[in-house]
Amino acid sequence: METPGEAGSELAPPHVTAEGEPRWLDSDERAAWMSLMSLLIKLPAALDAQLQRDSGLSHFEYNVLAGLSEMPGGSLRMSVLAALADGSLPRLSQVVARLERRGLVRRTPDPDDGRYTLATLTDAGRAVVTEAAPGHVETVRNLVFDPLTKGRARQLRDICHRILAAIDPSDRCFDHLR
């Protein structure tokens, strides 16, 4: 059995050092990681709480409505909307069914290809997202941007893009924002 560095194995696997040890986080990396993990838990919960309190929407429901509101005709294929809202198609289907029961969205076959289903924002849905948007944006501003300088906000954007590129190099979702 070969060990790292022996014939046929010039480099250690990427998750271990040349000495065969795991690449542990140093104290600064661990502190950054713990801060990021806390942010990933607390920020979505805070955004969700504000939207539930003020608009009766979950954060995911808001993202679905907002995504549709930004599209020509307020329509998207469900598969595209799932990617835009960063959710699975089954989760999106459940949420759209709920929004449909509330009269905020309707589903119809795609006239260009009946194998697909379109989700379309209704007038009532547009009214709900239009009413919810100012409070949501103010919460985002208060929690994320007010604590940062403009320069730090740009750094945050760049850091997020780098991490997202490491997770999914083929994802081009935010290219238009660069």
C-alpha atoms as a PDB file:
ATOM      1  CA  MET A   1       0.000   0.000   0.000  1.00  0.00           C
ATOM      2  CA  GLU A   2       1.401   3.363  -1.019  1.00  0.00           C
ATOM      3  CA  THR A   3       1.461   6.320   1.311  1.00  0.00           C
ATOM      4  CA  PRO A   4       1.360   9.942   0.137  1.00  0.00           C
ATOM      5  CA  GLY A   5       4.578  10.838  -1.611  1.00  0.00           C
ATOM      6  CA  GLU A   6       5.446   7.272  -2.691  1.00  0.00           C
ATOM      7  CA  ALA A   7       5.656   6.144  -6.306  1.00  0.00           C
ATOM      8  CA  GLY A   8       2.495   6.959  -8.270  1.00  0.00           C
ATOM      9  CA  SER A   9       1.347   9.452  -5.677  1.00  0.00           C
ATOM     10  CA  GLU A  10       3.336  12.659  -5.986  1.00  0.00           C
ATOM     11  CA  LEU A  11       0.855  14.786  -4.040  1.00  0.00           C
ATOM     12  CA  ALA A  12      -1.243  14.188  -0.967  1.00  0.00           C
ATOM     13  CA  PRO A  13      -5.014  14.223  -1.491  1.00  0.00           C
ATOM     14  CA  PRO A  14      -6.375  17.778  -1.283  1.00  0.00           C
ATOM     15  CA  HIS A  15      -7.931  17.208   2.151  1.00  0.00           C
ATOM     16  CA  VAL A  16      -4.644  16.237   3.832  1.00  0.00           C
ATOM     17  CA  THR A  17      -1.204  17.762   4.172  1.00  0.00           C
ATOM     18  CA  ALA A  18       1.936  16.206   2.681  1.00  0.00           C
ATOM     19  CA  GLU A  19       2.426  14.577   6.091  1.00  0.00           C
ATOM     20  CA  GLY A  20      -1.001  12.899   5.832  1.00  0.00           C
ATOM     21  CA  GLU A  21      -2.668  15.166   8.389  1.00  0.00           C
ATOM     22  CA  PRO A  22      -6.061  16.781   7.818  1.00  0.00           C
ATOM     23  CA  ARG A  23      -5.884  20.428   6.764  1.00  0.00           C
ATOM     24  CA  TRP A  24      -7.308  21.791  10.037  1.00  0.00           C
ATOM     25  CA  LEU A  25      -8.533  25.365  10.226  1.00  0.00           C
ATOM     26  CA  ASP A  26      -6.227  27.762  12.028  1.00  0.00           C
ATOM     27  CA  SER A  27      -7.695  29.981  14.757  1.00  0.00           C
ATOM     28  CA  ASP A  28      -8.507  32.880  12.385  1.00  0.00           C
ATOM     29  CA  GLU A  29     -10.140  30.548   9.851  1.00  0.00           C
ATOM     30  CA  ARG A  30     -12.130  28.827  12.593  1.00  0.00           C
ATOM     31  CA  ALA A  31     -13.358  32.168  13.928  1.00  0.00           C
ATOM     32  CA  ALA A  32     -14.337  33.249  10.407  1.00  0.00           C
ATOM     33  CA  TRP A  33     -16.070  29.902   9.804  1.00  0.00           C
ATOM     34  CA  MET A  34     -18.018  30.100  13.072  1.00  0.00           C
ATOM     35  CA  SER A  35     -19.043  33.677  12.258  1.00  0.00           C
ATOM     36  CA  LEU A  36     -20.205  32.641   8.793  1.00  0.00           C
ATOM     37  CA  MET A  37     -22.149  29.673  10.178  1.00  0.00           C
ATOM     38  CA  SER A  38     -23.868  31.916  12.704  1.00  0.00           C
ATOM     39  CA  LEU A  39     -24.732  34.411   9.954  1.00  0.00           C
ATOM     40  CA  LEU A  40     -26.108  31.639   7.717  1.00  0.00           C
ATOM     41  CA  ILE A  41     -28.446  30.588  10.527  1.00  0.00           C
ATOM     42  CA  LYS A  42     -29.474  33.945  11.989  1.00  0.00           C
ATOM     43  CA  LEU A  43     -29.866  36.154   8.897  1.00  0.00           C
ATOM     44  CA  PRO A  44     -32.417  33.959   7.076  1.00  0.00           C
ATOM     45  CA  ALA A  45     -34.356  33.569  10.339  1.00  0.00           C
ATOM     46  CA  ALA A  46     -34.423  37.349  10.869  1.00  0.00           C
ATOM     47  CA  LEU A  47     -35.518  37.996   7.271  1.00  0.00           C
ATOM     48  CA  ASP A  48     -38.169  35.296   7.508  1.00  0.00           C
ATOM     49  CA  ALA A  49     -39.488  36.685  10.809  1.00  0.00           C
ATOM     50  CA  GLN A  50     -39.855  40.200   9.371  1.00  0.00           C
ATOM     51  CA  LEU A  51     -41.655  38.972   6.266  1.00  0.00           C
ATOM     52  CA  GLN A  52     -43.966  36.697   8.277  1.00  0.00           C
ATOM     53  CA  ARG A  53     -44.780  39.482  10.725  1.00  0.00           C
ATOM     54  CA  ASP A  54     -45.328  42.238   8.172  1.00  0.00           C
ATOM     55  CA  SER A  55     -46.608  40.377   5.101  1.00  0.00           C
ATOM     56  CA  GLY A  56     -47.596  36.838   6.046  1.00  0.00           C
ATOM     57  CA  LEU A  57     -44.955  35.464   3.663  1.00  0.00           C
ATOM     58  CA  SER A  58     -42.004  33.192   4.228  1.00  0.00           C
ATOM     59  CA  HIS A  59     -38.691  34.374   2.844  1.00  0.00           C
ATOM     60  CA  PHE A  60     -38.867  31.642   0.181  1.00  0.00           C
ATOM     61  CA  GLU A  61     -42.397  32.707  -0.822  1.00  0.00           C
ATOM     62  CA  TYR A  62     -41.216  36.302  -1.066  1.00  0.00           C
ATOM     63  CA  ASN A  63     -38.285  35.246  -3.287  1.00  0.00           C
ATOM     64  CA  VAL A  64     -40.674  33.371  -5.578  1.00  0.00           C
ATOM     65  CA  LEU A  65     -43.026  36.360  -5.874  1.00  0.00           C
ATOM     66  CA  ALA A  66     -40.154  38.828  -6.276  1.00  0.00           C
ATOM     67  CA  GLY A  67     -38.506  36.650  -8.920  1.00  0.00           C
ATOM     68  CA  LEU A  68     -41.737  36.487 -10.905  1.00  0.00           C
ATOM     69  CA  SER A  69     -42.314  40.229 -10.499  1.00  0.00           C
ATOM     70  CA  GLU A  70     -39.005  40.968 -12.231  1.00  0.00           C
ATOM     71  CA  MET A  71     -39.809  38.852 -15.310  1.00  0.00           C
ATOM     72  CA  PRO A  72     -41.549  40.095 -18.450  1.00  0.00           C
ATOM     73  CA  GLY A  73     -45.217  39.180 -18.080  1.00  0.00           C
ATOM     74  CA  GLY A  74     -44.529  37.979 -14.522  1.00  0.00           C
ATOM     75  CA  SER A  75     -44.029  34.399 -15.774  1.00  0.00           C
ATOM     76  CA  LEU A  76     -41.311  31.775 -15.615  1.00  0.00           C
ATOM     77  CA  ARG A  77     -41.049  28.063 -16.164  1.00  0.00           C
ATOM     78  CA  MET A  78     -41.196  26.296 -12.819  1.00  0.00           C
ATOM     79  CA  SER A  79     -37.761  24.731 -13.389  1.00  0.00           C
ATOM     80  CA  VAL A  80     -36.197  28.148 -14.025  1.00  0.00           C
ATOM     81  CA  LEU A  81     -38.020  29.660 -11.055  1.00  0.00           C
ATOM     82  CA  ALA A  82     -36.736  26.857  -8.810  1.00  0.00           C
ATOM     83  CA  ALA A  83     -33.162  27.730  -9.784  1.00  0.00           C
ATOM     84  CA  LEU A  84     -33.805  31.464  -9.366  1.00  0.00           C
ATOM     85  CA  ALA A  85     -35.368  30.963  -5.926  1.00  0.00           C
ATOM     86  CA  ASP A  86     -32.572  28.506  -5.032  1.00  0.00           C
ATOM     87  CA  GLY A  87     -34.936  25.694  -4.180  1.00  0.00           C
ATOM     88  CA  SER A  88     -35.718  22.216  -5.424  1.00  0.00           C
ATOM     89  CA  LEU A  89     -38.540  21.709  -7.892  1.00  0.00           C
ATOM     90  CA  PRO A  90     -40.592  19.692  -5.345  1.00  0.00           C
ATOM     91  CA  ARG A  91     -40.218  22.453  -2.732  1.00  0.00           C
ATOM     92  CA  LEU A  92     -41.120  25.105  -5.291  1.00  0.00           C
ATOM     93  CA  SER A  93     -44.164  23.095  -6.390  1.00  0.00           C
ATOM     94  CA  GLN A  94     -45.431  22.978  -2.795  1.00  0.00           C
ATOM     95  CA  VAL A  95     -44.861  26.709  -2.291  1.00  0.00           C
ATOM     96  CA  VAL A  96     -46.430  27.669  -5.622  1.00  0.00           C
ATOM     97  CA  ALA A  97     -49.451  25.485  -4.802  1.00  0.00           C
ATOM     98  CA  ARG A  98     -49.823  27.415  -1.529  1.00  0.00           C
ATOM     99  CA  LEU A  99     -49.432  30.756  -3.321  1.00  0.00           C
ATOM    100  CA  GLU A 100     -51.897  29.588  -5.965  1.00  0.00           C
ATOM    101  CA  ARG A 101     -54.508  28.776  -3.266  1.00  0.00           C
ATOM    102  CA  ARG A 102     -54.038  32.343  -1.996  1.00  0.00           C
ATOM    103  CA  GLY A 103     -54.598  33.710  -5.506  1.00  0.00           C
ATOM    104  CA  LEU A 104     -51.060  35.138  -5.771  1.00  0.00           C
ATOM    105  CA  VAL A 105     -49.761  32.861  -8.543  1.00  0.00           C
ATOM    106  CA  ARG A 106     -51.350  30.704 -11.234  1.00  0.00           C
ATOM    107  CA  ARG A 107     -49.883  27.745 -13.078  1.00  0.00           C
ATOM    108  CA  THR A 108     -50.514  27.024 -16.744  1.00  0.00           C
ATOM    109  CA  PRO A 109     -48.913  24.847 -19.405  1.00  0.00           C
ATOM    110  CA  ASP A 110     -46.124  26.625 -21.269  1.00  0.00           C
ATOM    111  CA  PRO A 111     -47.605  27.572 -24.666  1.00  0.00           C
ATOM    112  CA  ASP A 112     -44.149  27.142 -26.264  1.00  0.00           C
ATOM    113  CA  ASP A 113     -43.708  23.623 -24.909  1.00  0.00           C
ATOM    114  CA  GLY A 114     -46.555  21.904 -23.077  1.00  0.00           C
ATOM    115  CA  ARG A 115     -44.121  19.638 -21.232  1.00  0.00           C
ATOM    116  CA  TYR A 116     -43.293  22.615 -19.005  1.00  0.00           C
ATOM    117  CA  THR A 117     -45.423  24.535 -16.535  1.00  0.00           C
ATOM    118  CA  LEU A 118     -45.374  28.306 -16.190  1.00  0.00           C
ATOM    119  CA  ALA A 119     -45.844  30.076 -12.884  1.00  0.00           C
ATOM    120  CA  THR A 120     -47.391  33.504 -13.401  1.00  0.00           C
ATOM    121  CA  LEU A 121     -47.784  36.285 -10.882  1.00  0.00           C
ATOM    122  CA  THR A 122     -51.396  37.443 -10.542  1.00  0.00           C
ATOM    123  CA  ASP A 123     -52.399  41.056  -9.937  1.00  0.00           C
ATOM    124  CA  ALA A 124     -53.012  40.129  -6.289  1.00  0.00           C
ATOM    125  CA  GLY A 125     -49.532  38.572  -6.110  1.00  0.00           C
ATOM    126  CA  ARG A 126     -47.976  41.688  -7.595  1.00  0.00           C
ATOM    127  CA  ALA A 127     -49.792  43.799  -4.998  1.00  0.00           C
ATOM    128  CA  VAL A 128     -48.567  41.587  -2.142  1.00  0.00           C
ATOM    129  CA  VAL A 129     -44.914  41.628  -3.260  1.00  0.00           C
ATOM    130  CA  THR A 130     -45.070  45.373  -3.969  1.00  0.00           C
ATOM    131  CA  GLU A 131     -46.391  45.968  -0.454  1.00  0.00           C
ATOM    132  CA  ALA A 132     -43.855  43.580   1.149  1.00  0.00           C
ATOM    133  CA  ALA A 133     -40.775  44.891  -0.699  1.00  0.00           C
ATOM    134  CA  PRO A 134     -40.160  48.169   1.198  1.00  0.00           C
ATOM    135  CA  GLY A 135     -40.145  46.499   4.621  1.00  0.00           C
ATOM    136  CA  HIS A 136     -37.986  43.643   3.373  1.00  0.00           C
ATOM    137  CA  VAL A 137     -35.471  46.003   1.763  1.00  0.00           C
ATOM    138  CA  GLU A 138     -35.347  48.113   4.927  1.00  0.00           C
ATOM    139  CA  THR A 139     -34.637  44.999   6.984  1.00  0.00           C
ATOM    140  CA  VAL A 140     -31.878  43.946   4.567  1.00  0.00           C
ATOM    141  CA  ARG A 141     -30.455  47.464   4.743  1.00  0.00           C
ATOM    142  CA  ASN A 142     -30.570  47.531   8.571  1.00  0.00           C
ATOM    143  CA  LEU A 143     -29.097  44.072   9.069  1.00  0.00           C
ATOM    144  CA  VAL A 144     -26.560  43.860   6.241  1.00  0.00           C
ATOM    145  CA  PHE A 145     -25.639  47.196   4.701  1.00  0.00           C
ATOM    146  CA  ASP A 146     -25.951  49.779   7.482  1.00  0.00           C
ATOM    147  CA  PRO A 147     -23.223  48.047   9.550  1.00  0.00           C
ATOM    148  CA  LEU A 148     -20.865  48.160   6.523  1.00  0.00           C
ATOM    149  CA  THR A 149     -19.081  50.898   4.640  1.00  0.00           C
ATOM    150  CA  LYS A 150     -19.494  50.991   0.851  1.00  0.00           C
ATOM    151  CA  GLY A 151     -16.035  49.447   0.531  1.00  0.00           C
ATOM    152  CA  ARG A 152     -16.882  46.624   2.941  1.00  0.00           C
ATOM    153  CA  ALA A 153     -20.133  45.987   1.032  1.00  0.00           C
ATOM    154  CA  ARG A 154     -18.094  45.582  -2.169  1.00  0.00           C
ATOM    155  CA  GLN A 155     -15.734  43.226  -0.307  1.00  0.00           C
ATOM    156  CA  LEU A 156     -18.724  41.223   0.910  1.00  0.00           C
ATOM    157  CA  ARG A 157     -20.012  40.939  -2.676  1.00  0.00           C
ATOM    158  CA  ASP A 158     -16.593  39.804  -3.911  1.00  0.00           C
ATOM    159  CA  ILE A 159     -16.198  37.286  -1.080  1.00  0.00           C
ATOM    160  CA  CYS A 160     -19.647  35.840  -1.783  1.00  0.00           C
ATOM    161  CA  HIS A 161     -18.886  35.554  -5.508  1.00  0.00           C
ATOM    162  CA  ARG A 162     -15.630  33.711  -4.779  1.00  0.00           C
ATOM    163  CA  ILE A 163     -17.324  31.257  -2.412  1.00  0.00           C
ATOM    164  CA  LEU A 164     -20.216  30.700  -4.824  1.00  0.00           C
ATOM    165  CA  ALA A 165     -17.755  30.080  -7.669  1.00  0.00           C
ATOM    166  CA  ALA A 166     -15.984  27.466  -5.528  1.00  0.00           C
ATOM    167  CA  ILE A 167     -19.319  25.773  -4.811  1.00  0.00           C
ATOM    168  CA  ASP A 168     -20.590  25.855  -8.400  1.00  0.00           C
ATOM    169  CA  PRO A 169     -18.173  27.192 -11.028  1.00  0.00           C
ATOM    170  CA  SER A 170     -20.821  26.848 -13.762  1.00  0.00           C
ATOM    171  CA  ASP A 171     -23.421  28.989 -11.954  1.00  0.00           C
ATOM    172  CA  ARG A 172     -23.890  32.266 -13.811  1.00  0.00           C
ATOM    173  CA  CYS A 173     -26.924  33.466 -11.840  1.00  0.00           C
ATOM    174  CA  PHE A 174     -25.308  36.690 -10.651  1.00  0.00           C
ATOM    175  CA  ASP A 175     -23.114  37.532 -13.646  1.00  0.00           C
ATOM    176  CA  HIS A 176     -25.336  40.503 -14.512  1.00  0.00           C
ATOM    177  CA  LEU A 177     -24.641  42.031 -11.066  1.00  0.00           C
ATOM    178  CA  ARG A 178     -20.848  42.204 -11.395  1.00  0.00           C
END
